[in-house]
């Protein structure tokens, strides 16, 4: 076939590869020679070790405080990331028992187990519907960290 006077099978010759100094030989590598050299960073290993002691889907506020504090102490997260473990019993008008905060049912008992991942999802959704949009990124960041923790706990 000819396109504008150039035969398709001779198109490479037409590109003037004559200036090439030397042609190289392509070496074939067998698949068994390719090794997986993926290594996790020290930070990732440390993060996994810390969060592996807990279950974000079933932990108390006291346990969450310990986990987030350990992550902060090891410079794996920032102090602002620990705000999800606040003590709601300090809010004026708090009633003893279980109350709802931004769609998340939180017990006044700091040793009561709860699902932090679902709670943070509820808060993020609640804020999208009823909250201040300026604060949505904060809710999204807290949820993103909880999802990362959950991933490394799996």
Protein backbone atom coordinates (compact mmCIF):
# COMPACT_ATOMS: atom_id res chain seq x y z
CA UNK A 1 0.00 0.00 0.00
CA UNK A 2 1.27 3.45 -0.77
CA UNK A 3 0.44 6.62 1.14
CA UNK A 4 1.57 9.76 -0.64
CA UNK A 5 4.19 7.83 -2.51
CA UNK A 6 5.64 6.15 0.61
CA UNK A 7 5.23 2.46 0.98
CA UNK A 8 4.00 1.56 4.46
CA UNK A 9 6.54 -1.19 5.01
CA UNK A 10 9.37 1.21 4.16
CA UNK A 11 8.13 4.09 6.36
CA UNK A 12 10.87 3.58 8.95
CA UNK A 13 13.55 3.88 6.29
CA UNK A 14 11.91 7.08 5.16
CA UNK A 15 12.36 8.60 8.65
CA UNK A 16 16.09 8.75 7.86
CA UNK A 17 17.53 6.55 10.55
CA UNK A 18 20.84 6.64 8.72
CA UNK A 19 22.18 9.13 11.29
CA UNK A 20 21.99 6.50 14.00
CA UNK A 21 25.54 5.71 15.11
CA UNK A 22 25.04 2.10 16.12
CA UNK A 23 22.18 -0.24 16.44
CA UNK A 24 21.79 -2.08 19.72
CA UNK A 25 20.58 -5.53 20.39
CA UNK A 26 17.51 -5.85 22.53
CA UNK A 27 18.08 -8.23 25.37
CA UNK A 28 15.22 -10.46 26.34
CA UNK A 29 14.64 -10.96 30.05
CA UNK A 30 12.83 -14.03 31.23
CA UNK A 31 9.90 -13.43 33.57
CA UNK A 32 11.52 -15.47 36.32
CA UNK A 33 14.43 -13.00 36.34
CA UNK A 34 12.19 -10.10 37.34
CA UNK A 35 12.03 -9.79 41.11
CA UNK A 36 9.53 -7.87 43.19
CA UNK A 37 11.60 -5.30 45.05
CA UNK A 38 8.66 -3.55 46.77
CA UNK A 39 9.47 -2.74 50.38
CA UNK A 40 7.30 -0.91 52.86
CA UNK A 41 8.78 2.17 54.43
CA UNK A 42 9.72 2.22 58.09
CA UNK A 43 6.88 4.69 58.69
CA UNK A 44 4.36 2.34 57.09
CA UNK A 45 5.59 -0.60 59.14
CA UNK A 46 5.43 1.46 62.34
CA UNK A 47 1.93 2.72 61.45
CA UNK A 48 0.76 -0.85 60.81
CA UNK A 49 2.27 -2.05 64.09
CA UNK A 50 0.52 0.63 66.13
CA UNK A 51 -2.94 0.41 64.53
CA UNK A 52 -2.71 -3.39 64.51
CA UNK A 53 -3.17 -3.35 68.29
CA UNK A 54 -6.65 -1.87 67.94
CA UNK A 55 -9.90 -2.34 66.02
CA UNK A 56 -11.29 0.94 64.72
CA UNK A 57 -14.66 -0.76 64.22
CA UNK A 58 -14.84 -1.80 67.86
CA UNK A 59 -12.93 0.37 70.30
CA UNK A 60 -13.60 2.75 73.15
CA UNK A 61 -12.73 6.43 73.32
CA UNK A 62 -9.98 5.52 75.80
CA UNK A 63 -8.51 3.02 73.31
CA UNK A 64 -8.84 5.55 70.49
CA UNK A 65 -7.04 8.14 72.62
CA UNK A 66 -4.19 5.69 73.22
CA UNK A 67 -3.93 4.74 69.54
CA UNK A 68 -4.01 8.33 68.24
CA UNK A 69 -1.57 9.45 70.95
CA UNK A 70 0.86 6.70 70.00
CA UNK A 71 0.58 7.74 66.33
CA UNK A 72 1.23 11.38 67.31
CA UNK A 73 4.16 10.48 69.58
CA UNK A 74 5.75 8.62 66.67
CA UNK A 75 5.10 11.59 64.35
CA UNK A 76 2.86 9.54 62.08
CA UNK A 77 -0.11 11.91 62.35
CA UNK A 78 -0.68 15.50 63.49
CA UNK A 79 -2.30 16.60 66.73
CA UNK A 80 -5.36 17.82 64.80
CA UNK A 81 -5.99 14.21 63.75
CA UNK A 82 -6.65 13.30 67.39
CA UNK A 83 -9.65 15.61 67.64
CA UNK A 84 -11.96 12.73 66.70
CA UNK A 85 -11.44 11.30 70.19
CA UNK A 86 -12.86 14.32 72.00
CA UNK A 87 -14.81 13.80 75.23
CA UNK A 88 -18.42 14.78 74.52
CA UNK A 89 -19.35 14.57 78.21
CA UNK A 90 -17.68 17.96 78.62
CA UNK A 91 -20.27 19.61 76.39
CA UNK A 92 -22.69 21.70 78.45
CA UNK A 93 -26.08 20.07 78.71
CA UNK A 94 -24.72 16.60 78.01
CA UNK A 95 -27.00 13.94 79.38
CA UNK A 96 -25.59 10.78 80.86
CA UNK A 97 -26.16 7.75 78.71
CA UNK A 98 -25.98 7.72 74.94
CA UNK A 99 -26.43 10.92 72.97
CA UNK A 100 -26.04 11.75 69.32
CA UNK A 101 -23.39 14.10 68.03
CA UNK A 102 -23.74 15.07 64.41
CA UNK A 103 -25.45 11.78 63.68
CA UNK A 104 -22.98 9.65 65.66
CA UNK A 105 -24.30 7.99 68.82
CA UNK A 106 -21.64 8.38 71.49
CA UNK A 107 -21.80 6.98 75.01
CA UNK A 108 -20.76 9.01 78.02
CA UNK A 109 -18.82 5.94 79.16
CA UNK A 110 -15.24 6.34 77.81
CA UNK A 111 -14.78 2.54 77.93
CA UNK A 112 -17.88 1.81 75.84
CA UNK A 113 -16.86 0.17 72.55
CA UNK A 114 -18.12 1.76 69.35
CA UNK A 115 -17.44 1.76 65.65
CA UNK A 116 -15.26 4.81 65.02
CA UNK A 117 -15.19 4.23 61.26
CA UNK A 118 -18.99 4.27 60.96
CA UNK A 119 -19.23 7.12 63.46
CA UNK A 120 -16.87 9.29 61.42
CA UNK A 121 -18.78 8.41 58.24
CA UNK A 122 -21.99 9.49 59.96
CA UNK A 123 -20.42 12.76 61.07
CA UNK A 124 -19.11 13.52 57.57
CA UNK A 125 -22.51 12.80 56.01
CA UNK A 126 -24.34 14.78 58.70
CA UNK A 127 -22.07 17.77 58.13
CA UNK A 128 -22.64 17.58 54.36
CA UNK A 129 -26.40 17.80 54.91
CA UNK A 130 -26.69 20.13 57.88
CA UNK A 131 -23.30 21.53 58.79
CA UNK A 132 -21.01 24.29 57.70
CA UNK A 133 -19.38 23.47 54.36
CA UNK A 134 -16.19 25.26 55.49
CA UNK A 135 -15.59 22.44 57.97
CA UNK A 136 -16.27 19.56 55.55
CA UNK A 137 -12.59 19.07 54.70
CA UNK A 138 -11.87 18.44 58.40
CA UNK A 139 -14.57 15.76 58.56
CA UNK A 140 -13.29 14.22 55.32
CA UNK A 141 -9.70 14.14 56.63
CA UNK A 142 -10.77 12.40 59.85
CA UNK A 143 -12.72 9.83 57.84
CA UNK A 144 -9.82 9.33 55.44
CA UNK A 145 -7.46 8.61 58.33
CA UNK A 146 -9.97 6.18 59.87
CA UNK A 147 -10.29 4.38 56.52
CA UNK A 148 -6.49 4.18 56.29
CA UNK A 149 -6.33 2.74 59.81
CA UNK A 150 -9.05 0.24 58.92
CA UNK A 151 -7.14 -0.76 55.77
CA UNK A 152 -3.98 -1.49 57.73
CA UNK A 153 -5.92 -3.41 60.35
CA UNK A 154 -7.36 -5.73 57.72
